[in-house]
Amino acid sequence: MLGSDRCKLTLIVDSRTLVTNALWQLLKAHTGLTEADLKKYIEKVDFADGVRDGKATRSKGAMDCPQCSRRVLKSATVCAWCGTTLNSGDPFHAS
């Protein structure tokens, strides 16, 4: 089972790496952003939780869905698990 879980995680990481790289290439091609811009934004996102640790911590911006009780971002407008519409506000400004 552990080998199977590791294989699934590897596939997820590989898929997300591919998508991230594709999105970055698209942004560079259409916006003129540079590697230095990306590095600056990564540092900004990393420090959003007050700690420069190379991780995106979301726990401060999370809440329980009122329908299914699973954890969702406070900025979410729809629960990713059950599809319930959330009244949490602006998806770009989590409180």
C-alpha atoms as a PDB file:
ATOM      1  CA  MET A   1       0.000   0.000   0.000  1.00  0.00           C
ATOM      2  CA  LEU A   2       2.804   2.414   0.838  1.00  0.00           C
ATOM      3  CA  GLY A   3       4.327   1.939  -2.619  1.00  0.00           C
ATOM      4  CA  SER A   4       0.959   2.620  -4.221  1.00  0.00           C
ATOM      5  CA  ASP A   5       0.492   5.805  -2.177  1.00  0.00           C
ATOM      6  CA  ARG A   6       3.991   6.954  -3.083  1.00  0.00           C
ATOM      7  CA  CYS A   7       3.268   6.322  -6.761  1.00  0.00           C
ATOM      8  CA  LYS A   8       0.031   8.341  -6.546  1.00  0.00           C
ATOM      9  CA  LEU A   9       1.844  11.214  -4.834  1.00  0.00           C
ATOM     10  CA  THR A  10       4.566  11.165  -7.475  1.00  0.00           C
ATOM     11  CA  LEU A  11       1.936  11.387 -10.228  1.00  0.00           C
ATOM     12  CA  ILE A  12       0.216  14.299  -8.458  1.00  0.00           C
ATOM     13  CA  VAL A  13       3.493  16.175  -7.961  1.00  0.00           C
ATOM     14  CA  ASP A  14       4.549  15.552 -11.569  1.00  0.00           C
ATOM     15  CA  SER A  15       1.180  16.732 -12.869  1.00  0.00           C
ATOM     16  CA  ARG A  16       1.213  19.896 -10.750  1.00  0.00           C
ATOM     17  CA  THR A  17       4.797  20.611 -11.746  1.00  0.00           C
ATOM     18  CA  LEU A  18       3.807  20.363 -15.408  1.00  0.00           C
ATOM     19  CA  VAL A  19       0.816  22.676 -14.925  1.00  0.00           C
ATOM     20  CA  THR A  20       2.888  25.169 -12.923  1.00  0.00           C
ATOM     21  CA  ASN A  21       5.592  25.248 -15.597  1.00  0.00           C
ATOM     22  CA  ALA A  22       3.011  25.675 -18.352  1.00  0.00           C
ATOM     23  CA  LEU A  23       1.324  28.528 -16.501  1.00  0.00           C
ATOM     24  CA  TRP A  24       4.661  30.251 -15.916  1.00  0.00           C
ATOM     25  CA  GLN A  25       5.599  29.944 -19.598  1.00  0.00           C
ATOM     26  CA  LEU A  26       2.203  31.370 -20.557  1.00  0.00           C
ATOM     27  CA  LEU A  27       2.577  34.288 -18.142  1.00  0.00           C
ATOM     28  CA  LYS A  28       6.081  35.080 -19.373  1.00  0.00           C
ATOM     29  CA  ALA A  29       4.996  34.976 -22.992  1.00  0.00           C
ATOM     30  CA  HIS A  30       1.965  37.207 -22.532  1.00  0.00           C
ATOM     31  CA  THR A  31       2.951  39.614 -19.766  1.00  0.00           C
ATOM     32  CA  GLY A  32       6.678  40.224 -19.982  1.00  0.00           C
ATOM     33  CA  LEU A  33       7.225  39.006 -16.423  1.00  0.00           C
ATOM     34  CA  THR A  34      10.749  37.817 -15.666  1.00  0.00           C
ATOM     35  CA  GLU A  35      12.330  35.147 -13.491  1.00  0.00           C
ATOM     36  CA  ALA A  36      13.177  37.935 -11.015  1.00  0.00           C
ATOM     37  CA  ASP A  37       9.477  38.888 -10.878  1.00  0.00           C
ATOM     38  CA  LEU A  38       8.535  35.283 -10.202  1.00  0.00           C
ATOM     39  CA  LYS A  39      11.111  34.995  -7.431  1.00  0.00           C
ATOM     40  CA  LYS A  40       9.801  38.190  -5.823  1.00  0.00           C
ATOM     41  CA  TYR A  41       6.201  36.911  -5.926  1.00  0.00           C
ATOM     42  CA  ILE A  42       7.209  33.513  -4.537  1.00  0.00           C
ATOM     43  CA  GLU A  43       8.934  35.244  -1.620  1.00  0.00           C
ATOM     44  CA  LYS A  44       5.867  37.428  -1.049  1.00  0.00           C
ATOM     45  CA  VAL A  45       3.512  34.437  -1.000  1.00  0.00           C
ATOM     46  CA  ASP A  46       5.911  32.478   1.212  1.00  0.00           C
ATOM     47  CA  PHE A  47       6.020  35.304   3.771  1.00  0.00           C
ATOM     48  CA  ALA A  48       2.239  35.875   3.718  1.00  0.00           C
ATOM     49  CA  ASP A  49       1.916  33.733   6.847  1.00  0.00           C
ATOM     50  CA  GLY A  50       4.711  35.635   8.571  1.00  0.00           C
ATOM     51  CA  VAL A  51       7.327  32.891   8.150  1.00  0.00           C
ATOM     52  CA  ARG A  52       9.863  32.494   5.332  1.00  0.00           C
ATOM     53  CA  ASP A  53       9.962  28.709   5.233  1.00  0.00           C
ATOM     54  CA  GLY A  54       9.359  27.737   1.612  1.00  0.00           C
ATOM     55  CA  LYS A  55       5.800  26.590   2.376  1.00  0.00           C
ATOM     56  CA  ALA A  56       2.400  28.075   1.636  1.00  0.00           C
ATOM     57  CA  THR A  57       0.554  27.766   4.930  1.00  0.00           C
ATOM     58  CA  ARG A  58      -3.200  28.031   4.573  1.00  0.00           C
ATOM     59  CA  SER A  59      -4.443  27.157   8.059  1.00  0.00           C
ATOM     60  CA  LYS A  60      -5.014  30.799   9.052  1.00  0.00           C
ATOM     61  CA  GLY A  61      -7.165  31.258   5.958  1.00  0.00           C
ATOM     62  CA  ALA A  62      -9.219  28.117   6.384  1.00  0.00           C
ATOM     63  CA  MET A  63     -12.656  27.386   7.767  1.00  0.00           C
ATOM     64  CA  ASP A  64     -15.060  24.468   7.974  1.00  0.00           C
ATOM     65  CA  CYS A  65     -17.671  24.157   5.246  1.00  0.00           C
ATOM     66  CA  PRO A  66     -21.089  24.647   6.883  1.00  0.00           C
ATOM     67  CA  GLN A  67     -22.541  21.763   4.822  1.00  0.00           C
ATOM     68  CA  CYS A  68     -19.913  18.982   4.873  1.00  0.00           C
ATOM     69  CA  SER A  69     -17.570  20.253   7.643  1.00  0.00           C
ATOM     70  CA  ARG A  70     -14.448  19.784   5.514  1.00  0.00           C
ATOM     71  CA  ARG A  71     -11.701  22.414   5.583  1.00  0.00           C
ATOM     72  CA  VAL A  72     -11.909  25.026   2.817  1.00  0.00           C
ATOM     73  CA  LEU A  73     -10.204  28.336   2.240  1.00  0.00           C
ATOM     74  CA  LYS A  74     -11.972  31.348   3.707  1.00  0.00           C
ATOM     75  CA  SER A  75     -11.562  32.959   0.294  1.00  0.00           C
ATOM     76  CA  ALA A  76     -13.520  30.147  -1.411  1.00  0.00           C
ATOM     77  CA  THR A  77     -16.903  30.975  -2.860  1.00  0.00           C
ATOM     78  CA  VAL A  78     -17.801  27.289  -3.354  1.00  0.00           C
ATOM     79  CA  CYS A  79     -16.796  24.254  -1.268  1.00  0.00           C
ATOM     80  CA  ALA A  80     -14.391  22.125  -3.313  1.00  0.00           C
ATOM     81  CA  TRP A  81     -15.714  18.995  -1.596  1.00  0.00           C
ATOM     82  CA  CYS A  82     -19.498  19.272  -1.736  1.00  0.00           C
ATOM     83  CA  GLY A  83     -20.186  22.251  -4.008  1.00  0.00           C
ATOM     84  CA  THR A  84     -22.011  24.326  -1.409  1.00  0.00           C
ATOM     85  CA  THR A  85     -22.022  28.047  -2.158  1.00  0.00           C
ATOM     86  CA  LEU A  86     -20.126  29.827   0.596  1.00  0.00           C
ATOM     87  CA  ASN A  87     -20.833  33.322   1.831  1.00  0.00           C
ATOM     88  CA  SER A  88     -17.229  34.023   2.715  1.00  0.00           C
ATOM     89  CA  GLY A  89     -16.826  37.074   0.517  1.00  0.00           C
ATOM     90  CA  ASP A  90     -14.231  38.144  -2.011  1.00  0.00           C
ATOM     91  CA  PRO A  91     -12.078  35.223  -3.225  1.00  0.00           C
ATOM     92  CA  PHE A  92      -9.068  37.545  -3.421  1.00  0.00           C
ATOM     93  CA  HIS A  93      -9.264  38.889   0.124  1.00  0.00           C
ATOM     94  CA  ALA A  94      -9.551  36.168   2.748  1.00  0.00           C
ATOM     95  CA  SER A  95     -10.192  37.538   6.198  1.00  0.00           C
END
